[in-house]
Amino acid sequence: MPKWPVAGRIVNTEFVCPPIPDRNSDWQATFDGYDGAPDSPTRNQIGSGRHEYDAIRELVENAGMEMPLFPCVEAFRIIQEANRLLARVEAHCKALPSPLMETIDGLHEALRAFKRATENLEI
């Protein structure tokens, strides 16, 4: 589960992709320590969205905090969308020609490198 430092707290994100046609809840975000129990003070602290950033933004806003600006929001969203599309291609096309699979693997590695390079940035 990816972790992001946001507004002085750690946010965990997860690609949940519920089995519904609407893709607006593919990502969920919670603060570190979230347990979801009915009697927990963190039970309502959850965000969801089409993209990872959208889920983080909803979580922060639901907690009554102001969402800091991420310097590359559009690039971040494009990376997330590319990640999602690559995962779909892999899931549906296991028997792709070797050069195409190598390209997909290369794109995944580039996305992982971007994530590593930005994981210590304050969103």
PDB file of N, CA and C in Angstrom:
ATOM      1  N   MET A   1       0.846  -1.171   0.000  1.00  0.00           N
ATOM      2  CA  MET A   1       0.000   0.000   0.000  1.00  0.00           C
ATOM      3  C   MET A   1       0.895   1.239   0.000  1.00  0.00           C
ATOM      4  N   PRO A   2       0.797   2.086  -1.035  1.00  0.00           N
ATOM      5  CA  PRO A   2       1.630   3.296  -1.078  1.00  0.00           C
ATOM      6  C   PRO A   2       1.329   4.253   0.081  1.00  0.00           C
ATOM      7  N   LYS A   3       2.366   4.927   0.558  1.00  0.00           N
ATOM      8  CA  LYS A   3       2.223   5.914   1.634  1.00  0.00           C
ATOM      9  C   LYS A   3       2.704   7.265   1.115  1.00  0.00           C
ATOM     10  N   TRP A   4       1.941   8.305   1.433  1.00  0.00           N
ATOM     11  CA  TRP A   4       2.260   9.661   0.984  1.00  0.00           C
ATOM     12  C   TRP A   4       2.241  10.602   2.192  1.00  0.00           C
ATOM     13  N   PRO A   5       3.281  11.466   2.318  1.00  0.00           N
ATOM     14  CA  PRO A   5       3.218  12.499   3.354  1.00  0.00           C
ATOM     15  C   PRO A   5       2.341  13.649   2.854  1.00  0.00           C
ATOM     16  N   VAL A   6       1.279  13.928   3.594  1.00  0.00           N
ATOM     17  CA  VAL A   6       0.354  14.989   3.190  1.00  0.00           C
ATOM     18  C   VAL A   6      -0.006  15.816   4.410  1.00  0.00           C
ATOM     19  N   ALA A   7       0.239  17.111   4.349  1.00  0.00           N
ATOM     20  CA  ALA A   7      -0.148  18.042   5.408  1.00  0.00           C
ATOM     21  C   ALA A   7       0.304  17.551   6.784  1.00  0.00           C
ATOM     22  N   GLY A   8       1.526  17.025   6.858  1.00  0.00           N
ATOM     23  CA  GLY A   8       2.068  16.597   8.138  1.00  0.00           C
ATOM     24  C   GLY A   8       1.588  15.240   8.616  1.00  0.00           C
ATOM     25  N   ARG A   9       0.813  14.526   7.827  1.00  0.00           N
ATOM     26  CA  ARG A   9       0.330  13.193   8.200  1.00  0.00           C
ATOM     27  C   ARG A   9       0.683  12.206   7.090  1.00  0.00           C
ATOM     28  N   ILE A  10       0.644  10.929   7.411  1.00  0.00           N
ATOM     29  CA  ILE A  10       0.899   9.895   6.413  1.00  0.00           C
ATOM     30  C   ILE A  10      -0.450   9.391   5.894  1.00  0.00           C
ATOM     31  N   VAL A  11      -0.565   9.371   4.575  1.00  0.00           N
ATOM     32  CA  VAL A  11      -1.776   8.879   3.922  1.00  0.00           C
ATOM     33  C   VAL A  11      -1.437   7.581   3.191  1.00  0.00           C
ATOM     34  N   ASN A  12      -2.262   6.566   3.409  1.00  0.00           N
ATOM     35  CA  ASN A  12      -2.138   5.292   2.704  1.00  0.00           C
ATOM     36  C   ASN A  12      -3.138   5.284   1.561  1.00  0.00           C
ATOM     37  N   THR A  13      -2.715   4.804   0.405  1.00  0.00           N
ATOM     38  CA  THR A  13      -3.634   4.710  -0.729  1.00  0.00           C
ATOM     39  C   THR A  13      -3.679   3.277  -1.226  1.00  0.00           C
ATOM     40  N   GLU A  14      -4.819   2.943  -1.813  1.00  0.00           N
ATOM     41  CA  GLU A  14      -5.001   1.588  -2.327  1.00  0.00           C
ATOM     42  C   GLU A  14      -5.871   1.635  -3.575  1.00  0.00           C
ATOM     43  N   PHE A  15      -5.465   0.906  -4.597  1.00  0.00           N
ATOM     44  CA  PHE A  15      -6.257   0.765  -5.817  1.00  0.00           C
ATOM     45  C   PHE A  15      -7.224  -0.383  -5.574  1.00  0.00           C
ATOM     46  N   VAL A  16      -8.500  -0.050  -5.335  1.00  0.00           N
ATOM     47  CA  VAL A  16      -9.485  -1.068  -4.954  1.00  0.00           C
ATOM     48  C   VAL A  16     -10.316  -1.551  -6.133  1.00  0.00           C
ATOM     49  N   CYS A  17     -10.516  -0.716  -7.136  1.00  0.00           N
ATOM     50  CA  CYS A  17     -11.236  -1.068  -8.348  1.00  0.00           C
ATOM     51  C   CYS A  17     -12.475  -1.926  -8.075  1.00  0.00           C
ATOM     52  N   PRO A  18     -13.515  -1.331  -7.468  1.00  0.00           N
ATOM     53  CA  PRO A  18     -14.712  -2.116  -7.174  1.00  0.00           C
ATOM     54  C   PRO A  18     -15.359  -2.639  -8.459  1.00  0.00           C
ATOM     55  N   PRO A  19     -16.074  -3.769  -8.374  1.00  0.00           N
ATOM     56  CA  PRO A  19     -16.657  -4.385  -9.571  1.00  0.00           C
ATOM     57  C   PRO A  19     -17.930  -3.674 -10.038  1.00  0.00           C
ATOM     58  N   ILE A  20     -17.778  -2.400 -10.336  1.00  0.00           N
ATOM     59  CA  ILE A  20     -18.896  -1.601 -10.843  1.00  0.00           C
ATOM     60  C   ILE A  20     -18.399  -0.839 -12.066  1.00  0.00           C
ATOM     61  N   PRO A  21     -19.289  -0.457 -12.974  1.00  0.00           N
ATOM     62  CA  PRO A  21     -18.830   0.238 -14.189  1.00  0.00           C
ATOM     63  C   PRO A  21     -18.299   1.654 -13.932  1.00  0.00           C
ATOM     64  N   ASP A  22     -18.728   2.285 -12.855  1.00  0.00           N
ATOM     65  CA  ASP A  22     -18.292   3.644 -12.529  1.00  0.00           C
ATOM     66  C   ASP A  22     -16.879   3.600 -11.954  1.00  0.00           C
ATOM     67  N   ARG A  23     -15.929   4.259 -12.593  1.00  0.00           N
ATOM     68  CA  ARG A  23     -14.525   4.223 -12.163  1.00  0.00           C
ATOM     69  C   ARG A  23     -14.186   5.348 -11.182  1.00  0.00           C
ATOM     70  N   ASN A  24     -15.159   6.083 -10.674  1.00  0.00           N
ATOM     71  CA  ASN A  24     -14.895   7.220  -9.802  1.00  0.00           C
ATOM     72  C   ASN A  24     -14.524   6.842  -8.372  1.00  0.00           C
ATOM     73  N   SER A  25     -14.478   5.561  -8.045  1.00  0.00           N
ATOM     74  CA  SER A  25     -14.083   5.129  -6.707  1.00  0.00           C
ATOM     75  C   SER A  25     -12.985   4.071  -6.759  1.00  0.00           C
ATOM     76  N   ASP A  26     -12.165   4.108  -7.793  1.00  0.00           N
ATOM     77  CA  ASP A  26     -11.114   3.102  -7.953  1.00  0.00           C
ATOM     78  C   ASP A  26     -10.045   3.193  -6.866  1.00  0.00           C
ATOM     79  N   TRP A  27      -9.788   4.381  -6.360  1.00  0.00           N
ATOM     80  CA  TRP A  27      -8.755   4.579  -5.341  1.00  0.00           C
ATOM     81  C   TRP A  27      -9.379   4.950  -4.011  1.00  0.00           C
ATOM     82  N   GLN A  28      -8.777   4.448  -2.914  1.00  0.00           N
ATOM     83  CA  GLN A  28      -9.172   4.844  -1.564  1.00  0.00           C
ATOM     84  C   GLN A  28      -7.946   5.370  -0.839  1.00  0.00           C
ATOM     85  N   ALA A  29      -8.171   6.353   0.013  1.00  0.00           N
ATOM     86  CA  ALA A  29      -7.092   6.933   0.812  1.00  0.00           C
ATOM     87  C   ALA A  29      -7.536   6.986   2.268  1.00  0.00           C
ATOM     88  N   THR A  30      -6.620   6.630   3.167  1.00  0.00           N
ATOM     89  CA  THR A  30      -6.883   6.697   4.603  1.00  0.00           C
ATOM     90  C   THR A  30      -5.633   7.220   5.296  1.00  0.00           C
ATOM     91  N   PHE A  31      -5.820   7.828   6.464  1.00  0.00           N
ATOM     92  CA  PHE A  31      -4.672   8.240   7.260  1.00  0.00           C
ATOM     93  C   PHE A  31      -4.072   7.020   7.941  1.00  0.00           C
ATOM     94  N   ASP A  32      -2.767   7.065   8.200  1.00  0.00           N
ATOM     95  CA  ASP A  32      -2.110   5.989   8.929  1.00  0.00           C
ATOM     96  C   ASP A  32      -2.848   5.766  10.244  1.00  0.00           C
ATOM     97  N   GLY A  33      -3.092   4.526  10.599  1.00  0.00           N
ATOM     98  CA  GLY A  33      -3.803   4.215  11.828  1.00  0.00           C
ATOM     99  C   GLY A  33      -5.297   3.991  11.632  1.00  0.00           C
ATOM    100  N   TYR A  34      -5.785   4.185  10.415  1.00  0.00           N
ATOM    101  CA  TYR A  34      -7.211   3.977  10.132  1.00  0.00           C
ATOM    102  C   TYR A  34      -7.561   2.515  10.367  1.00  0.00           C
ATOM    103  N   ASP A  35      -8.643   2.267  11.126  1.00  0.00           N
ATOM    104  CA  ASP A  35      -9.060   0.878  11.309  1.00  0.00           C
ATOM    105  C   ASP A  35     -10.503   0.635  10.864  1.00  0.00           C
ATOM    106  N   GLY A  36     -11.277   1.688  10.663  1.00  0.00           N
ATOM    107  CA  GLY A  36     -12.629   1.536  10.127  1.00  0.00           C
ATOM    108  C   GLY A  36     -13.652   0.965  11.085  1.00  0.00           C
ATOM    109  N   ALA A  37     -13.275   0.675  12.318  1.00  0.00           N
ATOM    110  CA  ALA A  37     -14.231   0.133  13.281  1.00  0.00           C
ATOM    111  C   ALA A  37     -15.310   1.166  13.597  1.00  0.00           C
ATOM    112  N   PRO A  38     -16.552   0.713  13.832  1.00  0.00           N
ATOM    113  CA  PRO A  38     -17.657   1.654  14.093  1.00  0.00           C
ATOM    114  C   PRO A  38     -17.410   2.595  15.270  1.00  0.00           C
ATOM    115  N   ASP A  39     -16.652   2.162  16.276  1.00  0.00           N
ATOM    116  CA  ASP A  39     -16.409   3.012  17.443  1.00  0.00           C
ATOM    117  C   ASP A  39     -15.073   3.753  17.368  1.00  0.00           C
ATOM    118  N   SER A  40     -14.401   3.677  16.224  1.00  0.00           N
ATOM    119  CA  SER A  40     -13.095   4.306  16.073  1.00  0.00           C
ATOM    120  C   SER A  40     -13.237   5.775  15.688  1.00  0.00           C
ATOM    121  N   PRO A  41     -12.369   6.637  16.220  1.00  0.00           N
ATOM    122  CA  PRO A  41     -12.409   8.048  15.804  1.00  0.00           C
ATOM    123  C   PRO A  41     -12.005   8.236  14.340  1.00  0.00           C
ATOM    124  N   THR A  42     -11.404   7.219  13.734  1.00  0.00           N
ATOM    125  CA  THR A  42     -10.986   7.334  12.332  1.00  0.00           C
ATOM    126  C   THR A  42     -12.005   6.747  11.357  1.00  0.00           C
ATOM    127  N   ARG A  43     -13.158   6.271  11.848  1.00  0.00           N
ATOM    128  CA  ARG A  43     -14.091   5.523  10.993  1.00  0.00           C
ATOM    129  C   ARG A  43     -14.582   6.291   9.767  1.00  0.00           C
ATOM    130  N   ASN A  44     -14.689   7.601   9.842  1.00  0.00           N
ATOM    131  CA  ASN A  44     -15.178   8.379   8.699  1.00  0.00           C
ATOM    132  C   ASN A  44     -14.051   9.020   7.890  1.00  0.00           C
ATOM    133  N   GLN A  45     -12.825   8.714   8.260  1.00  0.00           N
ATOM    134  CA  GLN A  45     -11.699   9.335   7.578  1.00  0.00           C
ATOM    135  C   GLN A  45     -11.245   8.457   6.420  1.00  0.00           C
ATOM    136  N   ILE A  46     -11.957   8.597   5.317  1.00  0.00           N
ATOM    137  CA  ILE A  46     -11.638   7.838   4.111  1.00  0.00           C
ATOM    138  C   ILE A  46     -11.964   8.711   2.911  1.00  0.00           C
ATOM    139  N   GLY A  47     -11.158   8.610   1.899  1.00  0.00           N
ATOM    140  CA  GLY A  47     -11.412   9.345   0.660  1.00  0.00           C
ATOM    141  C   GLY A  47     -11.410   8.373  -0.498  1.00  0.00           C
ATOM    142  N   SER A  48     -12.154   8.686  -1.521  1.00  0.00           N
ATOM    143  CA  SER A  48     -12.138   7.835  -2.711  1.00  0.00           C
ATOM    144  C   SER A  48     -12.144   8.729  -3.942  1.00  0.00           C
ATOM    145  N   GLY A  49     -11.680   8.168  -5.054  1.00  0.00           N
ATOM    146  CA  GLY A  49     -11.638   8.949  -6.278  1.00  0.00           C
ATOM    147  C   GLY A  49     -11.206   8.128  -7.471  1.00  0.00           C
ATOM    148  N   ARG A  50     -11.356   8.716  -8.638  1.00  0.00           N
ATOM    149  CA  ARG A  50     -10.964   8.063  -9.892  1.00  0.00           C
ATOM    150  C   ARG A  50      -9.448   7.862  -9.949  1.00  0.00           C
ATOM    151  N   HIS A  51      -8.720   8.824  -9.388  1.00  0.00           N
ATOM    152  CA  HIS A  51      -7.267   8.786  -9.373  1.00  0.00           C
ATOM    153  C   HIS A  51      -6.796   8.820  -7.922  1.00  0.00           C
ATOM    154  N   GLU A  52      -5.588   8.380  -7.699  1.00  0.00           N
ATOM    155  CA  GLU A  52      -5.020   8.364  -6.350  1.00  0.00           C
ATOM    156  C   GLU A  52      -5.055   9.760  -5.726  1.00  0.00           C
ATOM    157  N   TYR A  53      -4.668  10.764  -6.505  1.00  0.00           N
ATOM    158  CA  TYR A  53      -4.653  12.134  -5.990  1.00  0.00           C
ATOM    159  C   TYR A  53      -6.056  12.582  -5.563  1.00  0.00           C
ATOM    160  N   ASP A  54      -7.079  12.208  -6.340  1.00  0.00           N
ATOM    161  CA  ASP A  54      -8.454  12.594  -6.004  1.00  0.00           C
ATOM    162  C   ASP A  54      -8.889  11.989  -4.675  1.00  0.00           C
ATOM    163  N   ALA A  55      -8.490  10.734  -4.425  1.00  0.00           N
ATOM    164  CA  ALA A  55      -8.832  10.083  -3.157  1.00  0.00           C
ATOM    165  C   ALA A  55      -8.139  10.789  -1.988  1.00  0.00           C
ATOM    166  N   ILE A  56      -6.869  11.161  -2.188  1.00  0.00           N
ATOM    167  CA  ILE A  56      -6.132  11.888  -1.144  1.00  0.00           C
ATOM    168  C   ILE A  56      -6.801  13.225  -0.870  1.00  0.00           C
ATOM    169  N   ARG A  57      -7.146  13.938  -1.940  1.00  0.00           N
ATOM    170  CA  ARG A  57      -7.780  15.247  -1.766  1.00  0.00           C
ATOM    171  C   ARG A  57      -9.098  15.124  -0.997  1.00  0.00           C
ATOM    172  N   GLU A  58      -9.918  14.135  -1.357  1.00  0.00           N
ATOM    173  CA  GLU A  58     -11.196  13.956  -0.660  1.00  0.00           C
ATOM    174  C   GLU A  58     -10.979  13.622   0.819  1.00  0.00           C
ATOM    175  N   LEU A  59     -10.010  12.764   1.116  1.00  0.00           N
ATOM    176  CA  LEU A  59      -9.700  12.418   2.501  1.00  0.00           C
ATOM    177  C   LEU A  59      -9.311  13.654   3.296  1.00  0.00           C
ATOM    178  N   VAL A  60      -8.400  14.444   2.757  1.00  0.00           N
ATOM    179  CA  VAL A  60      -7.918  15.648   3.448  1.00  0.00           C
ATOM    180  C   VAL A  60      -9.055  16.640   3.657  1.00  0.00           C
ATOM    181  N   GLU A  61      -9.879  16.839   2.636  1.00  0.00           N
ATOM    182  CA  GLU A  61     -11.008  17.766   2.757  1.00  0.00           C
ATOM    183  C   GLU A  61     -12.043  17.249   3.749  1.00  0.00           C
ATOM    184  N   ASN A  62     -12.322  15.929   3.753  1.00  0.00           N
ATOM    185  CA  ASN A  62     -13.274  15.355   4.708  1.00  0.00           C
ATOM    186  C   ASN A  62     -12.791  15.508   6.146  1.00  0.00           C
ATOM    187  N   ALA A  63     -11.475  15.546   6.331  1.00  0.00           N
ATOM    188  CA  ALA A  63     -10.905  15.711   7.668  1.00  0.00           C
ATOM    189  C   ALA A  63     -10.864  17.179   8.081  1.00  0.00           C
ATOM    190  N   GLY A  64     -11.362  18.068   7.219  1.00  0.00           N
ATOM    191  CA  GLY A  64     -11.398  19.492   7.538  1.00  0.00           C
ATOM    192  C   GLY A  64     -10.057  20.176   7.395  1.00  0.00           C
ATOM    193  N   MET A  65      -9.161  19.564   6.648  1.00  0.00           N
ATOM    194  CA  MET A  65      -7.839  20.140   6.433  1.00  0.00           C
ATOM    195  C   MET A  65      -7.792  20.759   5.041  1.00  0.00           C
ATOM    196  N   GLU A  66      -6.840  21.643   4.839  1.00  0.00           N
ATOM    197  CA  GLU A  66      -6.670  22.243   3.523  1.00  0.00           C
ATOM    198  C   GLU A  66      -5.668  21.417   2.725  1.00  0.00           C
ATOM    199  N   MET A  67      -6.028  21.106   1.513  1.00  0.00           N
ATOM    200  CA  MET A  67      -5.157  20.296   0.660  1.00  0.00           C
ATOM    201  C   MET A  67      -4.034  21.157   0.116  1.00  0.00           C
ATOM    202  N   PRO A  68      -2.775  20.822   0.455  1.00  0.00           N
ATOM    203  CA  PRO A  68      -1.659  21.560  -0.131  1.00  0.00           C
ATOM    204  C   PRO A  68      -1.585  21.294  -1.633  1.00  0.00           C
ATOM    205  N   LEU A  69      -1.007  22.211  -2.354  1.00  0.00           N
ATOM    206  CA  LEU A  69      -0.877  22.029  -3.794  1.00  0.00           C
ATOM    207  C   LEU A  69       0.304  21.129  -4.105  1.00  0.00           C
ATOM    208  N   PHE A  70       0.075  20.163  -4.946  1.00  0.00           N
ATOM    209  CA  PHE A  70       1.136  19.300  -5.437  1.00  0.00           C
ATOM    210  C   PHE A  70       1.669  19.980  -6.685  1.00  0.00           C
ATOM    211  N   PRO A  71       2.966  20.202  -6.783  1.00  0.00           N
ATOM    212  CA  PRO A  71       3.494  20.996  -7.898  1.00  0.00           C
ATOM    213  C   PRO A  71       3.207  20.423  -9.283  1.00  0.00           C
ATOM    214  N   CYS A  72       2.989  19.135  -9.379  1.00  0.00           N
ATOM    215  CA  CYS A  72       2.784  18.518 -10.694  1.00  0.00           C
ATOM    216  C   CYS A  72       1.485  17.719 -10.715  1.00  0.00           C
ATOM    217  N   VAL A  73       0.399  18.336 -10.308  1.00  0.00           N
ATOM    218  CA  VAL A  73      -0.863  17.612 -10.193  1.00  0.00           C
ATOM    219  C   VAL A  73      -1.244  16.937 -11.509  1.00  0.00           C
ATOM    220  N   GLU A  74      -1.139  17.663 -12.591  1.00  0.00           N
ATOM    221  CA  GLU A  74      -1.544  17.080 -13.877  1.00  0.00           C
ATOM    222  C   GLU A  74      -0.626  15.919 -14.257  1.00  0.00           C
ATOM    223  N   ALA A  75       0.669  16.067 -14.039  1.00  0.00           N
ATOM    224  CA  ALA A  75       1.599  14.971 -14.325  1.00  0.00           C
ATOM    225  C   ALA A  75       1.295  13.775 -13.429  1.00  0.00           C
ATOM    226  N   PHE A  76       0.997  14.043 -12.171  1.00  0.00           N
ATOM    227  CA  PHE A  76       0.655  12.985 -11.218  1.00  0.00           C
ATOM    228  C   PHE A  76      -0.577  12.219 -11.701  1.00  0.00           C
ATOM    229  N   ARG A  77      -1.602  12.939 -12.130  1.00  0.00           N
ATOM    230  CA  ARG A  77      -2.819  12.277 -12.619  1.00  0.00           C
ATOM    231  C   ARG A  77      -2.544  11.463 -13.880  1.00  0.00           C
ATOM    232  N   ILE A  78      -1.721  11.993 -14.759  1.00  0.00           N
ATOM    233  CA  ILE A  78      -1.391  11.262 -15.994  1.00  0.00           C
ATOM    234  C   ILE A  78      -0.646   9.973 -15.648  1.00  0.00           C
ATOM    235  N   ILE A  79       0.293  10.053 -14.713  1.00  0.00           N
ATOM    236  CA  ILE A  79       1.038   8.868 -14.287  1.00  0.00           C
ATOM    237  C   ILE A  79       0.071   7.838 -13.705  1.00  0.00           C
ATOM    238  N   GLN A  80      -0.857   8.288 -12.865  1.00  0.00           N
ATOM    239  CA  GLN A  80      -1.811   7.362 -12.263  1.00  0.00           C
ATOM    240  C   GLN A  80      -2.696   6.711 -13.325  1.00  0.00           C
ATOM    241  N   GLU A  81      -3.147   7.497 -14.280  1.00  0.00           N
ATOM    242  CA  GLU A  81      -3.984   6.951 -15.358  1.00  0.00           C
ATOM    243  C   GLU A  81      -3.186   5.956 -16.202  1.00  0.00           C
ATOM    244  N   ALA A  82      -1.920   6.278 -16.473  1.00  0.00           N
ATOM    245  CA  ALA A  82      -1.074   5.363 -17.235  1.00  0.00           C
ATOM    246  C   ALA A  82      -0.882   4.055 -16.473  1.00  0.00           C
ATOM    247  N   ASN A  83      -0.680   4.153 -15.175  1.00  0.00           N
ATOM    248  CA  ASN A  83      -0.543   2.963 -14.335  1.00  0.00           C
ATOM    249  C   ASN A  83      -1.792   2.091 -14.422  1.00  0.00           C
ATOM    250  N   ARG A  84      -2.945   2.723 -14.313  1.00  0.00           N
ATOM    251  CA  ARG A  84      -4.218   2.002 -14.370  1.00  0.00           C
ATOM    252  C   ARG A  84      -4.402   1.318 -15.724  1.00  0.00           C
ATOM    253  N   LEU A  85      -4.097   2.045 -16.793  1.00  0.00           N
ATOM    254  CA  LEU A  85      -4.252   1.474 -18.135  1.00  0.00           C
ATOM    255  C   LEU A  85      -3.272   0.329 -18.373  1.00  0.00           C
ATOM    256  N   LEU A  86      -2.039   0.479 -17.912  1.00  0.00           N
ATOM    257  CA  LEU A  86      -1.061  -0.597 -18.061  1.00  0.00           C
ATOM    258  C   LEU A  86      -1.513  -1.850 -17.310  1.00  0.00           C
ATOM    259  N   ALA A  87      -2.076  -1.667 -16.134  1.00  0.00           N
ATOM    260  CA  ALA A  87      -2.571  -2.815 -15.365  1.00  0.00           C
ATOM    261  C   ALA A  87      -3.701  -3.513 -16.115  1.00  0.00           C
ATOM    262  N   ARG A  88      -4.576  -2.737 -16.731  1.00  0.00           N
ATOM    263  CA  ARG A  88      -5.671  -3.337 -17.504  1.00  0.00           C
ATOM    264  C   ARG A  88      -5.134  -4.097 -18.713  1.00  0.00           C
ATOM    265  N   VAL A  89      -4.148  -3.507 -19.406  1.00  0.00           N
ATOM    266  CA  VAL A  89      -3.564  -4.175 -20.576  1.00  0.00           C
ATOM    267  C   VAL A  89      -2.963  -5.512 -20.145  1.00  0.00           C
ATOM    268  N   GLU A  90      -2.200  -5.494 -19.066  1.00  0.00           N
ATOM    269  CA  GLU A  90      -1.580  -6.731 -18.587  1.00  0.00           C
ATOM    270  C   GLU A  90      -2.612  -7.772 -18.192  1.00  0.00           C
ATOM    271  N   ALA A  91      -3.685  -7.323 -17.530  1.00  0.00           N
ATOM    272  CA  ALA A  91      -4.711  -8.257 -17.066  1.00  0.00           C
ATOM    273  C   ALA A  91      -5.449  -8.927 -18.227  1.00  0.00           C
ATOM    274  N   HIS A  92      -5.624  -8.211 -19.311  1.00  0.00           N
ATOM    275  CA  HIS A  92      -6.419  -8.735 -20.418  1.00  0.00           C
ATOM    276  C   HIS A  92      -5.596  -9.310 -21.565  1.00  0.00           C
ATOM    277  N   CYS A  93      -4.304  -9.058 -21.562  1.00  0.00           N
ATOM    278  CA  CYS A  93      -3.489  -9.461 -22.711  1.00  0.00           C
ATOM    279  C   CYS A  93      -2.228 -10.192 -22.267  1.00  0.00           C
ATOM    280  N   LYS A  94      -2.392 -11.293 -21.588  1.00  0.00           N
ATOM    281  CA  LYS A  94      -1.241 -12.049 -21.080  1.00  0.00           C
ATOM    282  C   LYS A  94      -0.359 -12.603 -22.204  1.00  0.00           C
ATOM    283  N   ALA A  95      -0.927 -12.807 -23.377  1.00  0.00           N
ATOM    284  CA  ALA A  95      -0.171 -13.424 -24.471  1.00  0.00           C
ATOM    285  C   ALA A  95       0.289 -12.403 -25.505  1.00  0.00           C
ATOM    286  N   LEU A  96       0.684 -11.232 -25.050  1.00  0.00           N
ATOM    287  CA  LEU A  96       1.168 -10.215 -25.983  1.00  0.00           C
ATOM    288  C   LEU A  96       2.538 -10.600 -26.525  1.00  0.00           C
ATOM    289  N   PRO A  97       2.874 -10.123 -27.722  1.00  0.00           N
ATOM    290  CA  PRO A  97       4.220 -10.388 -28.257  1.00  0.00           C
ATOM    291  C   PRO A  97       5.291  -9.853 -27.298  1.00  0.00           C
ATOM    292  N   SER A  98       6.413 -10.538 -27.254  1.00  0.00           N
ATOM    293  CA  SER A  98       7.488 -10.218 -26.324  1.00  0.00           C
ATOM    294  C   SER A  98       7.934  -8.749 -26.367  1.00  0.00           C
ATOM    295  N   PRO A  99       8.134  -8.118 -27.549  1.00  0.00           N
ATOM    296  CA  PRO A  99       8.569  -6.706 -27.545  1.00  0.00           C
ATOM    297  C   PRO A  99       7.540  -5.781 -26.882  1.00  0.00           C
ATOM    298  N   LEU A 100       6.265  -6.083 -27.068  1.00  0.00           N
ATOM    299  CA  LEU A 100       5.229  -5.243 -26.458  1.00  0.00           C
ATOM    300  C   LEU A 100       5.237  -5.409 -24.943  1.00  0.00           C
ATOM    301  N   MET A 101       5.402  -6.639 -24.468  1.00  0.00           N
ATOM    302  CA  MET A 101       5.467  -6.872 -23.019  1.00  0.00           C
ATOM    303  C   MET A 101       6.706  -6.196 -22.426  1.00  0.00           C
ATOM    304  N   GLU A 102       7.825  -6.196 -23.167  1.00  0.00           N
ATOM    305  CA  GLU A 102       9.024  -5.515 -22.687  1.00  0.00           C
ATOM    306  C   GLU A 102       8.781  -4.014 -22.585  1.00  0.00           C
ATOM    307  N   THR A 103       8.032  -3.463 -23.532  1.00  0.00           N
ATOM    308  CA  THR A 103       7.682  -2.039 -23.478  1.00  0.00           C
ATOM    309  C   THR A 103       6.813  -1.751 -22.265  1.00  0.00           C
ATOM    310  N   ILE A 104       5.828  -2.601 -22.026  1.00  0.00           N
ATOM    311  CA  ILE A 104       4.954  -2.435 -20.863  1.00  0.00           C
ATOM    312  C   ILE A 104       5.764  -2.536 -19.575  1.00  0.00           C
ATOM    313  N   ASP A 105       6.680  -3.514 -19.509  1.00  0.00           N
ATOM    314  CA  ASP A 105       7.540  -3.645 -18.326  1.00  0.00           C
ATOM    315  C   ASP A 105       8.394  -2.396 -18.136  1.00  0.00           C
ATOM    316  N   GLY A 106       8.905  -1.842 -19.229  1.00  0.00           N
ATOM    317  CA  GLY A 106       9.699  -0.619 -19.155  1.00  0.00           C
ATOM    318  C   GLY A 106       8.880   0.561 -18.650  1.00  0.00           C
ATOM    319  N   LEU A 107       7.638   0.655 -19.102  1.00  0.00           N
ATOM    320  CA  LEU A 107       6.753   1.727 -18.624  1.00  0.00           C
ATOM    321  C   LEU A 107       6.463   1.564 -17.137  1.00  0.00           C
ATOM    322  N   HIS A 108       6.231   0.342 -16.708  1.00  0.00           N
ATOM    323  CA  HIS A 108       6.004   0.095 -15.279  1.00  0.00           C
ATOM    324  C   HIS A 108       7.222   0.502 -14.461  1.00  0.00           C
ATOM    325  N   GLU A 109       8.408   0.183 -14.943  1.00  0.00           N
ATOM    326  CA  GLU A 109       9.614   0.553 -14.215  1.00  0.00           C
ATOM    327  C   GLU A 109       9.761   2.073 -14.154  1.00  0.00           C
ATOM    328  N   ALA A 110       9.433   2.763 -15.238  1.00  0.00           N
ATOM    329  CA  ALA A 110       9.484   4.234 -15.239  1.00  0.00           C
ATOM    330  C   ALA A 110       8.494   4.809 -14.236  1.00  0.00           C
ATOM    331  N   LEU A 111       7.305   4.224 -14.155  1.00  0.00           N
ATOM    332  CA  LEU A 111       6.304   4.682 -13.188  1.00  0.00           C
ATOM    333  C   LEU A 111       6.769   4.421 -11.756  1.00  0.00           C
ATOM    334  N   ARG A 112       7.388   3.270 -11.510  1.00  0.00           N
ATOM    335  CA  ARG A 112       7.909   2.968 -10.173  1.00  0.00           C
ATOM    336  C   ARG A 112       9.032   3.945  -9.808  1.00  0.00           C
ATOM    337  N   ALA A 113       9.864   4.287 -10.770  1.00  0.00           N
ATOM    338  CA  ALA A 113      10.949   5.241 -10.518  1.00  0.00           C
ATOM    339  C   ALA A 113      10.381   6.618 -10.180  1.00  0.00           C
ATOM    340  N   PHE A 114       9.333   7.025 -10.888  1.00  0.00           N
ATOM    341  CA  PHE A 114       8.677   8.300 -10.591  1.00  0.00           C
ATOM    342  C   PHE A 114       8.123   8.274  -9.175  1.00  0.00           C
ATOM    343  N   LYS A 115       7.477   7.186  -8.804  1.00  0.00           N
ATOM    344  CA  LYS A 115       6.889   7.063  -7.468  1.00  0.00           C
ATOM    345  C   LYS A 115       7.983   7.141  -6.399  1.00  0.00           C
ATOM    346  N   ARG A 116       9.110   6.426  -6.617  1.00  0.00           N
ATOM    347  CA  ARG A 116      10.212   6.468  -5.655  1.00  0.00           C
ATOM    348  C   ARG A 116      10.789   7.880  -5.546  1.00  0.00           C
ATOM    349  N   ALA A 117      10.901   8.546  -6.669  1.00  0.00           N
ATOM    350  CA  ALA A 117      11.503   9.892  -6.680  1.00  0.00           C
ATOM    351  C   ALA A 117      10.606  10.903  -5.984  1.00  0.00           C
ATOM    352  N   THR A 118       9.305  10.646  -5.966  1.00  0.00           N
ATOM    353  CA  THR A 118       8.381  11.632  -5.390  1.00  0.00           C
ATOM    354  C   THR A 118       7.825  11.222  -4.037  1.00  0.00           C
ATOM    355  N   GLU A 119       8.189  10.051  -3.510  1.00  0.00           N
ATOM    356  CA  GLU A 119       7.545   9.583  -2.292  1.00  0.00           C
ATOM    357  C   GLU A 119       7.896  10.421  -1.069  1.00  0.00           C
ATOM    358  N   ASN A 120       8.983  11.187  -1.100  1.00  0.00           N
ATOM    359  CA  ASN A 120       9.321  12.027   0.037  1.00  0.00           C
ATOM    360  C   ASN A 120       8.887  13.479  -0.152  1.00  0.00           C
ATOM    361  N   LEU A 121       8.222  13.763  -1.264  1.00  0.00           N
ATOM    362  CA  LEU A 121       7.727  15.116  -1.471  1.00  0.00           C
ATOM    363  C   LEU A 121       6.455  15.330  -0.675  1.00  0.00           C
ATOM    364  N   GLU A 122       6.294  16.511  -0.148  1.00  0.00           N
ATOM    365  CA  GLU A 122       5.063  16.868   0.540  1.00  0.00           C
ATOM    366  C   GLU A 122       4.038  17.235  -0.515  1.00  0.00           C
ATOM    367  N   ILE A 123       2.945  16.503  -0.568  1.00  0.00           N
ATOM    368  CA  ILE A 123       1.905  16.789  -1.569  1.00  0.00           C
ATOM    369  C   ILE A 123       1.146  18.014  -1.120  1.00  0.00           C
TER     370      ILE A 123
END
